[in-house]
Every structure is written in structure tokens, then in C-alpha cells.
Amino acid sequence: MFGTWYTAALLAIESQTVIALRLTALASGGPAAQSEGERMVSEKIDAAAEAIGTLMAGGSPDAVIARYREHVRANAERLGAHEVE
């Protein structure tokens, strides 16, 4: 109903939570921060490759954004749960 711009805006807003949680994890230092940094980079490479594959297979930008939102949601849950521990 709202179009691609709306879901892209939601992705941007939701991503801010993950960015804040990841910065907190990275700022703590140590092996957990090292692991999170490595995970972040590999996830970004994998997500970009997945997006390219989706578009090359004829998928829509909306499908790419929806999948990125799934990744962001999973990271928010993982990082949020980790922060509570």
C-alpha cells in the first residue's frame, strides 16, 4: 500500500537499533567484540550477495528489502537477548 519507500524507511529505522546494539558490543572489547565484528562483516557480505542473487533472478526491490528486514530483526533479537544476559 505504501510502496517501496515506506518499507525502505522502516528498514532504516529498524537498522538503527542493531547499529546501537552492535556499537555497544564492540565498545566492550575482548573476544566477544572481535567475534561480533567478524560476524557483522561476513553477514553484510552474505546479505549483499543474496540481494544481488534475488535481483538477478528477477526479484523485486521490495523482496530484497523484506529479506534485509528479516536479517535486521534476527540481529536485533540476538543482540538484545545477549545484552540482557
C-alpha atoms as a PDB file:
ATOM      1  CA  MET A   1       0.000   0.000   0.000  1.00  0.00           C
ATOM      2  CA  PHE A   2       2.709   2.488   0.942  1.00  0.00           C
ATOM      3  CA  GLY A   3       5.292   1.329  -1.561  1.00  0.00           C
ATOM      4  CA  THR A   4       8.965   0.657  -1.558  1.00  0.00           C
ATOM      5  CA  TRP A   5       9.897   3.952   0.060  1.00  0.00           C
ATOM      6  CA  TYR A   6       7.886   3.061   3.167  1.00  0.00           C
ATOM      7  CA  THR A   7       9.489  -0.342   3.671  1.00  0.00           C
ATOM      8  CA  ALA A   8      12.913   1.165   2.985  1.00  0.00           C
ATOM      9  CA  ALA A   9      12.234   3.796   5.648  1.00  0.00           C
ATOM     10  CA  LEU A  10      11.212   1.076   8.109  1.00  0.00           C
ATOM     11  CA  LEU A  11      14.421  -0.803   7.336  1.00  0.00           C
ATOM     12  CA  ALA A  12      16.446   2.336   8.042  1.00  0.00           C
ATOM     13  CA  ILE A  13      14.698   2.915  11.360  1.00  0.00           C
ATOM     14  CA  GLU A  14      14.962  -0.721  12.453  1.00  0.00           C
ATOM     15  CA  SER A  15      18.626  -0.839  11.481  1.00  0.00           C
ATOM     16  CA  GLN A  16      19.408   1.933  13.955  1.00  0.00           C
ATOM     17  CA  THR A  17      18.575  -0.407  16.838  1.00  0.00           C
ATOM     18  CA  VAL A  18      21.015  -3.024  15.562  1.00  0.00           C
ATOM     19  CA  ILE A  19      23.685  -0.384  14.976  1.00  0.00           C
ATOM     20  CA  ALA A  20      23.341   0.840  18.564  1.00  0.00           C
ATOM     21  CA  LEU A  21      23.439  -2.689  19.976  1.00  0.00           C
ATOM     22  CA  ARG A  22      26.449  -3.615  17.865  1.00  0.00           C
ATOM     23  CA  LEU A  23      28.343  -0.460  18.821  1.00  0.00           C
ATOM     24  CA  THR A  24      27.734  -1.306  22.466  1.00  0.00           C
ATOM     25  CA  ALA A  25      29.005  -4.847  21.910  1.00  0.00           C
ATOM     26  CA  LEU A  26      32.070  -3.612  20.026  1.00  0.00           C
ATOM     27  CA  ALA A  27      32.850  -0.968  22.641  1.00  0.00           C
ATOM     28  CA  SER A  28      33.019  -3.612  25.357  1.00  0.00           C
ATOM     29  CA  GLY A  29      36.114  -5.086  23.692  1.00  0.00           C
ATOM     30  CA  GLY A  30      37.505  -8.534  24.188  1.00  0.00           C
ATOM     31  CA  PRO A  31      36.873 -11.767  22.322  1.00  0.00           C
ATOM     32  CA  ALA A  32      33.105 -11.192  22.134  1.00  0.00           C
ATOM     33  CA  ALA A  33      33.657  -7.842  20.403  1.00  0.00           C
ATOM     34  CA  GLN A  34      36.122  -9.414  17.989  1.00  0.00           C
ATOM     35  CA  SER A  35      33.617 -12.146  17.175  1.00  0.00           C
ATOM     36  CA  GLU A  36      30.799  -9.633  16.691  1.00  0.00           C
ATOM     37  CA  GLY A  37      32.926  -7.528  14.355  1.00  0.00           C
ATOM     38  CA  GLU A  38      33.794 -10.540  12.238  1.00  0.00           C
ATOM     39  CA  ARG A  39      30.177 -11.690  12.225  1.00  0.00           C
ATOM     40  CA  MET A  40      28.987  -8.242  11.176  1.00  0.00           C
ATOM     41  CA  VAL A  41      31.308  -8.111   8.176  1.00  0.00           C
ATOM     42  CA  SER A  42      30.507 -11.630   6.998  1.00  0.00           C
ATOM     43  CA  GLU A  43      26.758 -11.022   7.403  1.00  0.00           C
ATOM     44  CA  LYS A  44      26.962  -7.886   5.289  1.00  0.00           C
ATOM     45  CA  ILE A  45      28.818  -9.703   2.518  1.00  0.00           C
ATOM     46  CA  ASP A  46      26.345 -12.606   2.598  1.00  0.00           C
ATOM     47  CA  ALA A  47      23.330 -10.274   2.609  1.00  0.00           C
ATOM     48  CA  ALA A  48      24.679  -8.285  -0.345  1.00  0.00           C
ATOM     49  CA  ALA A  49      25.312 -11.487  -2.323  1.00  0.00           C
ATOM     50  CA  GLU A  50      21.803 -12.684  -1.508  1.00  0.00           C
ATOM     51  CA  ALA A  51      20.312  -9.360  -2.626  1.00  0.00           C
ATOM     52  CA  ILE A  52      22.232  -9.465  -5.906  1.00  0.00           C
ATOM     53  CA  GLY A  53      21.060 -13.029  -6.492  1.00  0.00           C
ATOM     54  CA  THR A  54      17.460 -12.072  -5.823  1.00  0.00           C
ATOM     55  CA  LEU A  55      17.586  -9.168  -8.254  1.00  0.00           C
ATOM     56  CA  MET A  56      19.394 -11.192 -10.938  1.00  0.00           C
ATOM     57  CA  ALA A  57      16.710 -13.886 -10.641  1.00  0.00           C
ATOM     58  CA  GLY A  58      14.035 -11.286 -11.314  1.00  0.00           C
ATOM     59  CA  GLY A  59      13.130 -10.497  -7.723  1.00  0.00           C
ATOM     60  CA  SER A  60      11.821  -7.090  -6.805  1.00  0.00           C
ATOM     61  CA  PRO A  61      13.453  -4.410  -4.668  1.00  0.00           C
ATOM     62  CA  ASP A  62      10.592  -4.978  -2.222  1.00  0.00           C
ATOM     63  CA  ALA A  63      11.665  -8.620  -1.863  1.00  0.00           C
ATOM     64  CA  VAL A  64      15.245  -7.541  -1.172  1.00  0.00           C
ATOM     65  CA  ILE A  65      14.129  -5.017   1.437  1.00  0.00           C
ATOM     66  CA  ALA A  66      11.830  -7.561   3.093  1.00  0.00           C
ATOM     67  CA  ARG A  67      14.705 -10.030   3.377  1.00  0.00           C
ATOM     68  CA  TYR A  68      17.051  -7.382   4.798  1.00  0.00           C
ATOM     69  CA  ARG A  69      14.379  -6.583   7.382  1.00  0.00           C
ATOM     70  CA  GLU A  70      14.329 -10.264   8.376  1.00  0.00           C
ATOM     71  CA  HIS A  71      18.097 -10.170   8.881  1.00  0.00           C
ATOM     72  CA  VAL A  72      17.852  -6.955  10.909  1.00  0.00           C
ATOM     73  CA  ARG A  73      15.051  -8.381  13.064  1.00  0.00           C
ATOM     74  CA  ALA A  74      17.074 -11.543  13.779  1.00  0.00           C
ATOM     75  CA  ASN A  75      20.122  -9.488  14.736  1.00  0.00           C
ATOM     76  CA  ALA A  76      18.069  -7.225  16.986  1.00  0.00           C
ATOM     77  CA  GLU A  77      16.660 -10.251  18.796  1.00  0.00           C
ATOM     78  CA  ARG A  78      20.078 -11.906  19.108  1.00  0.00           C
ATOM     79  CA  LEU A  79      21.875  -8.792  20.283  1.00  0.00           C
ATOM     80  CA  GLY A  80      19.051  -7.726  22.583  1.00  0.00           C
ATOM     81  CA  ALA A  81      18.923 -11.144  24.218  1.00  0.00           C
ATOM     82  CA  HIS A  82      22.700 -11.125  24.590  1.00  0.00           C
ATOM     83  CA  GLU A  83      22.591  -7.716  26.246  1.00  0.00           C
ATOM     84  CA  VAL A  84      20.094  -8.945  28.860  1.00  0.00           C
ATOM     85  CA  GLU A  85      22.320 -11.886  29.876  1.00  0.00           C
END
